Amino acid sequence: RILRNLRTAHLARRDWPAALDAIELLLVLEPTDPEHGRDRGLLLGRMGRFTEAVVGLRRYLEERPDAADVPDVQQVIGIFAGRLN
């Protein structure tokens, strides 16, 4: 719970690297939660790391093909794919 709160605080301050660090720790503690991978992908995109972001978001869609946010994630992947570095 503390890491989730820390992630939220960093996101509110738009401190993307610190938020990414919190999510990476959440991935270590809860490796089977695909939402952490989605959040990581979204943050990587915000940081301009589009290739890594697309890979992570595609992995999320493979793991959660029935997720409610599939259309949104697909749209973000399209945006990031257009900016691949």
C-alpha atoms as a PDB file:
ATOM      1  CA  ARG A   1       0.000   0.000   0.000  1.00  0.00           C
ATOM      2  CA  ILE A   2       2.840   2.380   0.793  1.00  0.00           C
ATOM      3  CA  LEU A   3       4.331   1.958  -2.689  1.00  0.00           C
ATOM      4  CA  ARG A   4       0.954   2.630  -4.285  1.00  0.00           C
ATOM      5  CA  ASN A   5       0.628   5.828  -2.256  1.00  0.00           C
ATOM      6  CA  LEU A   6       4.168   6.807  -3.167  1.00  0.00           C
ATOM      7  CA  ARG A   7       3.442   6.190  -6.858  1.00  0.00           C
ATOM      8  CA  THR A   8       0.310   8.340  -6.624  1.00  0.00           C
ATOM      9  CA  ALA A   9       2.210  11.150  -4.926  1.00  0.00           C
ATOM     10  CA  HIS A  10       4.924  11.132  -7.587  1.00  0.00           C
ATOM     11  CA  LEU A  11       2.335  11.106 -10.358  1.00  0.00           C
ATOM     12  CA  ALA A  12       0.556  14.073  -8.784  1.00  0.00           C
ATOM     13  CA  ARG A  13       3.858  15.986  -8.784  1.00  0.00           C
ATOM     14  CA  ARG A  14       4.555  14.819 -12.362  1.00  0.00           C
ATOM     15  CA  ASP A  15       7.802  13.280 -11.196  1.00  0.00           C
ATOM     16  CA  TRP A  16       7.831  10.568 -13.868  1.00  0.00           C
ATOM     17  CA  PRO A  17      11.206   8.981 -12.983  1.00  0.00           C
ATOM     18  CA  ALA A  18      10.257   8.638  -9.304  1.00  0.00           C
ATOM     19  CA  ALA A  19       6.817   7.251 -10.217  1.00  0.00           C
ATOM     20  CA  LEU A  20       8.506   4.764 -12.541  1.00  0.00           C
ATOM     21  CA  ASP A  21      10.802   3.673  -9.704  1.00  0.00           C
ATOM     22  CA  ALA A  22       7.767   3.028  -7.492  1.00  0.00           C
ATOM     23  CA  ILE A  23       6.077   1.012 -10.231  1.00  0.00           C
ATOM     24  CA  GLU A  24       9.236  -1.009 -10.828  1.00  0.00           C
ATOM     25  CA  LEU A  25       9.240  -1.918  -7.130  1.00  0.00           C
ATOM     26  CA  LEU A  26       5.561  -2.851  -7.342  1.00  0.00           C
ATOM     27  CA  LEU A  27       6.437  -5.133 -10.263  1.00  0.00           C
ATOM     28  CA  VAL A  28       8.988  -6.893  -8.062  1.00  0.00           C
ATOM     29  CA  LEU A  29       6.512  -7.319  -5.207  1.00  0.00           C
ATOM     30  CA  GLU A  30       3.489  -8.158  -7.376  1.00  0.00           C
ATOM     31  CA  PRO A  31       4.894  -9.575 -10.626  1.00  0.00           C
ATOM     32  CA  THR A  32       1.609 -11.183 -11.653  1.00  0.00           C
ATOM     33  CA  ASP A  33      -0.350  -7.904 -11.660  1.00  0.00           C
ATOM     34  CA  PRO A  34      -0.425  -6.833 -15.331  1.00  0.00           C
ATOM     35  CA  GLU A  35      -1.709  -3.373 -14.424  1.00  0.00           C
ATOM     36  CA  HIS A  36       1.729  -2.475 -13.108  1.00  0.00           C
ATOM     37  CA  GLY A  37       3.118  -3.296 -16.545  1.00  0.00           C
ATOM     38  CA  ARG A  38       0.472  -1.094 -18.153  1.00  0.00           C
ATOM     39  CA  ASP A  39       1.292   1.771 -15.822  1.00  0.00           C
ATOM     40  CA  ARG A  40       4.997   1.298 -16.503  1.00  0.00           C
ATOM     41  CA  GLY A  41       4.361   1.438 -20.248  1.00  0.00           C
ATOM     42  CA  LEU A  42       2.333   4.620 -19.936  1.00  0.00           C
ATOM     43  CA  LEU A  43       5.047   6.287 -17.882  1.00  0.00           C
ATOM     44  CA  LEU A  44       7.779   5.219 -20.271  1.00  0.00           C
ATOM     45  CA  GLY A  45       5.806   6.894 -23.037  1.00  0.00           C
ATOM     46  CA  ARG A  46       5.481  10.091 -21.019  1.00  0.00           C
ATOM     47  CA  MET A  47       9.250  10.021 -20.642  1.00  0.00           C
ATOM     48  CA  GLY A  48       9.755   9.670 -24.400  1.00  0.00           C
ATOM     49  CA  ARG A  49      10.861   6.034 -24.236  1.00  0.00           C
ATOM     50  CA  PHE A  50       8.332   4.985 -26.864  1.00  0.00           C
ATOM     51  CA  THR A  51       9.839   1.671 -27.954  1.00  0.00           C
ATOM     52  CA  GLU A  52       9.868   0.328 -24.397  1.00  0.00           C
ATOM     53  CA  ALA A  53       6.407   1.757 -23.807  1.00  0.00           C
ATOM     54  CA  VAL A  54       4.898  -0.009 -26.814  1.00  0.00           C
ATOM     55  CA  VAL A  55       6.495  -3.329 -25.848  1.00  0.00           C
ATOM     56  CA  GLY A  56       5.133  -3.061 -22.308  1.00  0.00           C
ATOM     57  CA  LEU A  57       1.662  -2.016 -23.387  1.00  0.00           C
ATOM     58  CA  ARG A  58       1.441  -4.825 -25.935  1.00  0.00           C
ATOM     59  CA  ARG A  59       2.450  -7.281 -23.217  1.00  0.00           C
ATOM     60  CA  TYR A  60      -0.348  -5.890 -21.041  1.00  0.00           C
ATOM     61  CA  LEU A  61      -2.873  -6.477 -23.841  1.00  0.00           C
ATOM     62  CA  GLU A  62      -1.630 -10.061 -24.246  1.00  0.00           C
ATOM     63  CA  GLU A  63      -2.028 -10.676 -20.522  1.00  0.00           C
ATOM     64  CA  ARG A  64      -5.388  -8.886 -20.208  1.00  0.00           C
ATOM     65  CA  PRO A  65      -7.212  -9.209 -23.559  1.00  0.00           C
ATOM     66  CA  ASP A  66     -10.550  -8.767 -21.786  1.00  0.00           C
ATOM     67  CA  ALA A  67      -9.604  -5.649 -19.788  1.00  0.00           C
ATOM     68  CA  ALA A  68     -12.056  -2.748 -19.901  1.00  0.00           C
ATOM     69  CA  ASP A  69      -9.321  -0.355 -21.027  1.00  0.00           C
ATOM     70  CA  VAL A  70      -8.211  -2.336 -24.115  1.00  0.00           C
ATOM     71  CA  PRO A  71      -9.484   0.292 -26.612  1.00  0.00           C
ATOM     72  CA  ASP A  72      -7.726   3.085 -24.704  1.00  0.00           C
ATOM     73  CA  VAL A  73      -4.467   1.162 -24.489  1.00  0.00           C
ATOM     74  CA  GLN A  74      -4.633   0.332 -28.194  1.00  0.00           C
ATOM     75  CA  GLN A  75      -5.096   4.013 -28.967  1.00  0.00           C
ATOM     76  CA  VAL A  76      -2.084   4.944 -26.827  1.00  0.00           C
ATOM     77  CA  ILE A  77      -0.004   2.251 -28.521  1.00  0.00           C
ATOM     78  CA  GLY A  78      -0.900   3.804 -31.874  1.00  0.00           C
ATOM     79  CA  ILE A  79       0.209   7.226 -30.664  1.00  0.00           C
ATOM     80  CA  PHE A  80       3.460   5.934 -29.208  1.00  0.00           C
ATOM     81  CA  ALA A  81       4.181   3.737 -32.250  1.00  0.00           C
ATOM     82  CA  GLY A  82       4.033   6.857 -34.401  1.00  0.00           C
ATOM     83  CA  ARG A  83       6.821   8.319 -32.303  1.00  0.00           C
ATOM     84  CA  LEU A  84       9.091   5.282 -31.989  1.00  0.00           C
ATOM     85  CA  ASN A  85      12.691   6.119 -31.261  1.00  0.00           C
END
